[in-house]
N, C-alpha and C. Protein backbone atom coordinates (compact mmCIF):
# COMPACT_ATOMS: atom_id res chain seq x y z
N MET A 1 0.85 -1.18 0.00
CA MET A 1 0.00 0.00 0.00
C MET A 1 0.89 1.24 0.00
N PRO A 2 0.69 2.17 -0.94
CA PRO A 2 1.52 3.38 -0.99
C PRO A 2 1.28 4.26 0.24
N THR A 3 2.33 4.97 0.63
CA THR A 3 2.25 5.84 1.79
C THR A 3 2.40 7.30 1.37
N VAL A 4 1.54 8.14 1.92
CA VAL A 4 1.54 9.58 1.65
C VAL A 4 2.08 10.29 2.89
N LEU A 5 3.00 11.24 2.66
CA LEU A 5 3.44 12.13 3.72
C LEU A 5 2.52 13.34 3.71
N LEU A 6 1.84 13.57 4.81
CA LEU A 6 0.92 14.68 4.96
C LEU A 6 1.46 15.63 6.02
N VAL A 7 1.67 16.90 5.64
CA VAL A 7 2.21 17.89 6.58
C VAL A 7 1.23 19.06 6.64
N ASP A 8 0.55 19.18 7.79
CA ASP A 8 -0.39 20.29 7.99
C ASP A 8 -0.47 20.58 9.48
N ASP A 9 -0.46 21.84 9.85
CA ASP A 9 -0.50 22.19 11.27
C ASP A 9 -1.91 22.18 11.84
N SER A 10 -2.92 21.93 11.03
CA SER A 10 -4.30 21.84 11.51
C SER A 10 -4.65 20.38 11.80
N ALA A 11 -5.00 20.10 13.05
CA ALA A 11 -5.38 18.74 13.43
C ALA A 11 -6.62 18.29 12.66
N VAL A 12 -7.54 19.22 12.40
CA VAL A 12 -8.76 18.87 11.67
C VAL A 12 -8.42 18.46 10.24
N VAL A 13 -7.58 19.23 9.58
CA VAL A 13 -7.20 18.90 8.20
C VAL A 13 -6.45 17.57 8.17
N ARG A 14 -5.53 17.36 9.10
CA ARG A 14 -4.81 16.09 9.14
C ARG A 14 -5.78 14.91 9.31
N ARG A 15 -6.74 15.07 10.20
CA ARG A 15 -7.69 13.98 10.45
C ARG A 15 -8.56 13.72 9.22
N VAL A 16 -9.14 14.78 8.63
CA VAL A 16 -10.03 14.62 7.48
C VAL A 16 -9.26 14.04 6.29
N LEU A 17 -8.11 14.59 5.98
CA LEU A 17 -7.33 14.07 4.85
C LEU A 17 -6.85 12.65 5.09
N THR A 18 -6.43 12.36 6.29
CA THR A 18 -6.00 10.99 6.60
C THR A 18 -7.14 10.01 6.36
N GLN A 19 -8.34 10.34 6.85
CA GLN A 19 -9.50 9.46 6.65
C GLN A 19 -9.79 9.25 5.17
N ARG A 20 -9.76 10.32 4.40
CA ARG A 20 -10.05 10.20 2.95
C ARG A 20 -8.97 9.40 2.23
N LEU A 21 -7.72 9.65 2.57
CA LEU A 21 -6.62 8.93 1.91
C LEU A 21 -6.63 7.45 2.27
N VAL A 22 -6.90 7.13 3.52
CA VAL A 22 -7.01 5.72 3.93
C VAL A 22 -8.16 5.05 3.18
N ALA A 23 -9.28 5.75 3.02
CA ALA A 23 -10.42 5.20 2.28
C ALA A 23 -10.05 4.94 0.82
N GLU A 24 -9.07 5.68 0.30
CA GLU A 24 -8.60 5.50 -1.08
C GLU A 24 -7.53 4.42 -1.19
N GLY A 25 -7.14 3.84 -0.06
CA GLY A 25 -6.17 2.75 -0.09
C GLY A 25 -4.74 3.15 0.22
N PHE A 26 -4.54 4.33 0.77
CA PHE A 26 -3.20 4.80 1.11
C PHE A 26 -2.94 4.65 2.61
N ASP A 27 -1.68 4.44 2.95
CA ASP A 27 -1.23 4.64 4.32
C ASP A 27 -0.84 6.11 4.41
N VAL A 28 -0.92 6.69 5.59
CA VAL A 28 -0.61 8.10 5.76
C VAL A 28 0.33 8.27 6.94
N ARG A 29 1.38 9.05 6.72
CA ARG A 29 2.26 9.51 7.80
C ARG A 29 1.98 10.99 7.93
N ALA A 30 1.31 11.39 8.99
CA ALA A 30 0.92 12.78 9.19
C ALA A 30 1.88 13.46 10.15
N GLU A 31 2.34 14.62 9.76
CA GLU A 31 3.21 15.46 10.58
C GLU A 31 2.55 16.82 10.74
N SER A 32 2.69 17.41 11.92
CA SER A 32 2.05 18.69 12.21
C SER A 32 2.97 19.89 11.97
N SER A 33 4.22 19.64 11.57
CA SER A 33 5.16 20.75 11.42
C SER A 33 6.22 20.44 10.37
N ALA A 34 6.86 21.50 9.92
CA ALA A 34 7.99 21.33 9.01
C ALA A 34 9.11 20.57 9.70
N ALA A 35 9.33 20.87 10.98
CA ALA A 35 10.39 20.18 11.73
C ALA A 35 10.14 18.68 11.77
N GLY A 36 8.90 18.28 12.00
CA GLY A 36 8.57 16.86 12.02
C GLY A 36 8.80 16.20 10.67
N ALA A 37 8.44 16.91 9.61
CA ALA A 37 8.60 16.36 8.26
C ALA A 37 10.07 16.23 7.88
N ARG A 38 10.89 17.13 8.37
CA ARG A 38 12.32 17.06 8.05
C ARG A 38 12.97 15.79 8.60
N GLY A 39 12.38 15.21 9.63
CA GLY A 39 12.96 14.04 10.27
C GLY A 39 12.55 12.71 9.67
N VAL A 40 11.72 12.68 8.64
CA VAL A 40 11.26 11.41 8.09
C VAL A 40 12.17 10.90 6.98
N ASP A 41 12.19 9.58 6.83
CA ASP A 41 12.91 8.93 5.74
C ASP A 41 12.02 8.97 4.51
N LEU A 42 12.41 9.72 3.52
CA LEU A 42 11.56 9.96 2.34
C LEU A 42 11.48 8.78 1.38
N THR A 43 12.32 7.80 1.53
CA THR A 43 12.37 6.71 0.55
C THR A 43 11.09 5.89 0.52
N THR A 44 10.29 5.92 1.56
CA THR A 44 9.10 5.08 1.61
C THR A 44 7.84 5.77 1.12
N PHE A 45 7.91 7.05 0.77
CA PHE A 45 6.70 7.78 0.42
C PHE A 45 6.45 7.81 -1.08
N ALA A 46 5.17 7.63 -1.43
CA ALA A 46 4.76 7.73 -2.82
C ALA A 46 4.61 9.19 -3.24
N CYS A 47 4.21 10.05 -2.29
CA CYS A 47 4.05 11.47 -2.57
C CYS A 47 3.92 12.22 -1.26
N ALA A 48 3.93 13.56 -1.35
CA ALA A 48 3.78 14.41 -0.17
C ALA A 48 2.73 15.47 -0.43
N ILE A 49 1.93 15.73 0.59
CA ILE A 49 0.94 16.81 0.57
C ILE A 49 1.31 17.75 1.70
N ILE A 50 1.53 19.02 1.36
CA ILE A 50 2.07 19.97 2.33
C ILE A 50 1.21 21.23 2.36
N ASP A 51 0.89 21.68 3.55
CA ASP A 51 0.23 22.98 3.74
C ASP A 51 1.27 24.06 3.43
N ILE A 52 0.90 25.08 2.71
CA ILE A 52 1.86 26.14 2.36
C ILE A 52 2.27 26.95 3.59
N GLU A 53 1.32 27.24 4.47
CA GLU A 53 1.63 28.06 5.64
C GLU A 53 1.59 27.19 6.89
N LEU A 54 2.76 26.77 7.35
CA LEU A 54 2.90 25.96 8.55
C LEU A 54 3.26 26.86 9.72
N SER A 55 2.96 26.41 10.92
CA SER A 55 3.23 27.24 12.10
C SER A 55 4.72 27.47 12.31
N ASP A 56 5.56 26.58 11.78
CA ASP A 56 7.01 26.74 11.97
C ASP A 56 7.77 26.98 10.67
N GLY A 57 7.07 27.49 9.65
CA GLY A 57 7.78 27.83 8.42
C GLY A 57 6.92 27.70 7.19
N SER A 58 7.55 27.91 6.08
CA SER A 58 6.90 27.86 4.77
C SER A 58 6.86 26.43 4.24
N GLY A 59 5.68 26.01 3.82
CA GLY A 59 5.56 24.70 3.19
C GLY A 59 6.31 24.64 1.87
N ALA A 60 6.38 25.77 1.16
CA ALA A 60 7.13 25.80 -0.09
C ALA A 60 8.62 25.60 0.17
N ASP A 61 9.13 26.22 1.23
CA ASP A 61 10.54 26.01 1.60
C ASP A 61 10.77 24.56 2.04
N LEU A 62 9.82 24.00 2.77
CA LEU A 62 9.93 22.60 3.17
C LEU A 62 9.97 21.70 1.95
N ALA A 63 9.12 21.96 0.98
CA ALA A 63 9.13 21.15 -0.25
C ALA A 63 10.49 21.23 -0.93
N ASP A 64 11.08 22.42 -0.98
CA ASP A 64 12.42 22.56 -1.57
C ASP A 64 13.41 21.64 -0.86
N GLU A 65 13.36 21.62 0.47
CA GLU A 65 14.27 20.78 1.25
C GLU A 65 14.04 19.30 0.98
N LEU A 66 12.76 18.90 0.96
CA LEU A 66 12.45 17.49 0.71
C LEU A 66 12.88 17.08 -0.69
N LEU A 67 12.67 17.96 -1.66
CA LEU A 67 13.06 17.64 -3.04
C LEU A 67 14.57 17.61 -3.23
N GLN A 68 15.32 18.31 -2.40
CA GLN A 68 16.77 18.20 -2.45
C GLN A 68 17.21 16.81 -1.99
N ARG A 69 16.45 16.25 -1.05
CA ARG A 69 16.77 14.92 -0.52
C ARG A 69 16.26 13.81 -1.44
N ARG A 70 15.13 14.06 -2.13
CA ARG A 70 14.58 13.06 -3.05
C ARG A 70 13.89 13.79 -4.19
N THR A 71 14.62 13.97 -5.27
CA THR A 71 14.14 14.79 -6.38
C THR A 71 12.90 14.22 -7.07
N SER A 72 12.68 12.93 -6.97
CA SER A 72 11.55 12.30 -7.66
C SER A 72 10.26 12.29 -6.84
N LEU A 73 10.27 12.88 -5.65
CA LEU A 73 9.08 12.86 -4.80
C LEU A 73 8.00 13.79 -5.35
N PRO A 74 6.84 13.25 -5.73
CA PRO A 74 5.75 14.14 -6.16
C PRO A 74 5.24 14.93 -4.95
N VAL A 75 5.09 16.24 -5.13
CA VAL A 75 4.66 17.12 -4.04
C VAL A 75 3.46 17.93 -4.52
N ALA A 76 2.46 18.06 -3.64
CA ALA A 76 1.33 18.95 -3.88
C ALA A 76 1.10 19.76 -2.61
N PHE A 77 0.43 20.87 -2.79
CA PHE A 77 0.14 21.76 -1.66
C PHE A 77 -1.36 21.86 -1.48
N PHE A 78 -1.79 21.98 -0.21
CA PHE A 78 -3.19 22.12 0.15
C PHE A 78 -3.25 23.32 1.08
N THR A 79 -3.90 24.39 0.64
CA THR A 79 -3.80 25.63 1.39
C THR A 79 -5.08 26.45 1.35
N ALA A 80 -5.25 27.26 2.38
CA ALA A 80 -6.36 28.20 2.42
C ALA A 80 -5.97 29.52 1.77
N GLY A 81 -4.73 29.65 1.37
CA GLY A 81 -4.28 30.86 0.71
C GLY A 81 -2.92 31.31 1.21
N ALA A 82 -2.28 32.10 0.41
CA ALA A 82 -0.97 32.65 0.73
C ALA A 82 -0.72 33.82 -0.21
N SER A 83 0.36 34.52 0.01
CA SER A 83 0.69 35.64 -0.87
C SER A 83 1.00 35.11 -2.27
N ALA A 84 0.90 35.99 -3.25
CA ALA A 84 1.16 35.60 -4.64
C ALA A 84 2.58 35.06 -4.79
N ALA A 85 3.54 35.67 -4.12
CA ALA A 85 4.93 35.22 -4.24
C ALA A 85 5.10 33.82 -3.66
N VAL A 86 4.47 33.55 -2.53
CA VAL A 86 4.57 32.23 -1.90
C VAL A 86 3.87 31.19 -2.77
N MET A 87 2.71 31.53 -3.33
CA MET A 87 1.99 30.61 -4.21
C MET A 87 2.84 30.28 -5.44
N GLU A 88 3.48 31.28 -6.00
CA GLU A 88 4.35 31.05 -7.17
C GLU A 88 5.51 30.15 -6.80
N HIS A 89 6.11 30.38 -5.65
CA HIS A 89 7.21 29.53 -5.16
C HIS A 89 6.73 28.09 -5.02
N ALA A 90 5.55 27.90 -4.44
CA ALA A 90 5.01 26.55 -4.26
C ALA A 90 4.75 25.88 -5.60
N ARG A 91 4.16 26.58 -6.52
CA ARG A 91 3.83 26.00 -7.84
C ARG A 91 5.07 25.54 -8.60
N ALA A 92 6.22 26.05 -8.25
CA ALA A 92 7.46 25.58 -8.88
C ALA A 92 7.78 24.14 -8.47
N SER A 93 7.21 23.68 -7.35
CA SER A 93 7.46 22.32 -6.87
C SER A 93 6.31 21.37 -7.12
N GLY A 94 5.10 21.89 -7.29
CA GLY A 94 3.95 21.02 -7.50
C GLY A 94 2.65 21.80 -7.54
N PRO A 95 1.56 21.10 -7.83
CA PRO A 95 0.26 21.77 -7.91
C PRO A 95 -0.21 22.26 -6.55
N VAL A 96 -1.03 23.31 -6.58
CA VAL A 96 -1.60 23.89 -5.37
C VAL A 96 -3.11 23.69 -5.41
N PHE A 97 -3.64 23.09 -4.35
CA PHE A 97 -5.07 22.84 -4.24
C PHE A 97 -5.62 23.68 -3.10
N ALA A 98 -6.84 24.21 -3.29
CA ALA A 98 -7.43 25.13 -2.32
C ALA A 98 -8.28 24.39 -1.29
N LYS A 99 -8.03 24.70 0.00
CA LYS A 99 -8.89 24.20 1.07
C LYS A 99 -10.22 24.93 0.96
N PRO A 100 -11.29 24.31 1.25
CA PRO A 100 -11.48 22.98 1.79
C PRO A 100 -11.80 21.92 0.74
N ASP A 101 -11.70 22.24 -0.55
CA ASP A 101 -12.09 21.30 -1.62
C ASP A 101 -11.07 20.18 -1.75
N VAL A 102 -11.34 19.06 -1.12
CA VAL A 102 -10.38 17.96 -1.05
C VAL A 102 -10.41 17.06 -2.29
N GLU A 103 -11.48 17.04 -3.04
CA GLU A 103 -11.60 16.09 -4.14
C GLU A 103 -10.53 16.22 -5.23
N PRO A 104 -10.19 17.44 -5.70
CA PRO A 104 -9.11 17.53 -6.69
C PRO A 104 -7.77 17.03 -6.14
N LEU A 105 -7.53 17.27 -4.86
CA LEU A 105 -6.29 16.79 -4.23
C LEU A 105 -6.28 15.27 -4.18
N ILE A 106 -7.40 14.65 -3.84
CA ILE A 106 -7.49 13.19 -3.82
C ILE A 106 -7.26 12.63 -5.21
N ALA A 107 -7.83 13.25 -6.22
CA ALA A 107 -7.62 12.80 -7.61
C ALA A 107 -6.14 12.87 -7.98
N TRP A 108 -5.47 13.95 -7.60
CA TRP A 108 -4.02 14.06 -7.87
C TRP A 108 -3.27 12.93 -7.17
N THR A 109 -3.64 12.67 -5.93
CA THR A 109 -2.95 11.66 -5.13
C THR A 109 -3.12 10.27 -5.75
N ARG A 110 -4.28 9.98 -6.31
CA ARG A 110 -4.48 8.68 -6.97
C ARG A 110 -3.46 8.47 -8.08
N THR A 111 -3.13 9.53 -8.80
CA THR A 111 -2.18 9.44 -9.90
C THR A 111 -0.74 9.51 -9.41
N ALA A 112 -0.45 10.51 -8.60
CA ALA A 112 0.93 10.74 -8.13
C ALA A 112 1.34 9.75 -7.06
N GLY A 113 0.38 9.19 -6.35
CA GLY A 113 0.67 8.35 -5.21
C GLY A 113 0.94 6.90 -5.54
N GLN A 114 1.36 6.62 -6.74
CA GLN A 114 1.73 5.26 -7.07
C GLN A 114 3.01 4.90 -6.31
N PRO A 115 3.18 3.64 -5.96
CA PRO A 115 4.37 3.27 -5.20
C PRO A 115 5.65 3.65 -5.93
N PRO A 116 6.69 4.05 -5.18
CA PRO A 116 7.95 4.38 -5.83
C PRO A 116 8.54 3.12 -6.45
N PRO A 117 9.28 3.28 -7.54
CA PRO A 117 9.87 2.11 -8.18
C PRO A 117 10.85 1.40 -7.23
N THR A 118 10.82 0.09 -7.28
CA THR A 118 11.74 -0.68 -6.44
C THR A 118 13.07 -0.85 -7.17
N LYS A 119 14.10 -0.94 -6.37
CA LYS A 119 15.43 -1.06 -6.98
C LYS A 119 15.86 -2.50 -7.00
């Protein structure tokens, strides 16, 4: 079963997205902060979903860091909004989906969340 890294500082969003992703057949590793996400082993994840505005930093900056560690990691953002500059920065790493509409994000995850190739 593919695993999704979910990074969002809202407990409600983490719970709702985790439930939907599990219903779609994914395992979920949910982190509430950029610091928590920095500590995970990225090799096991099929994709990452990141809130753009985290309580301890920018989700777009976090995506940059994660992609430096694993360039093939599909990344998407789920956000209630951010400045135009931050949104542009995020879009350079992956698609941006607007909260609370979860369905387009789930559709992206079905495609991007395929298991990583085995070596």
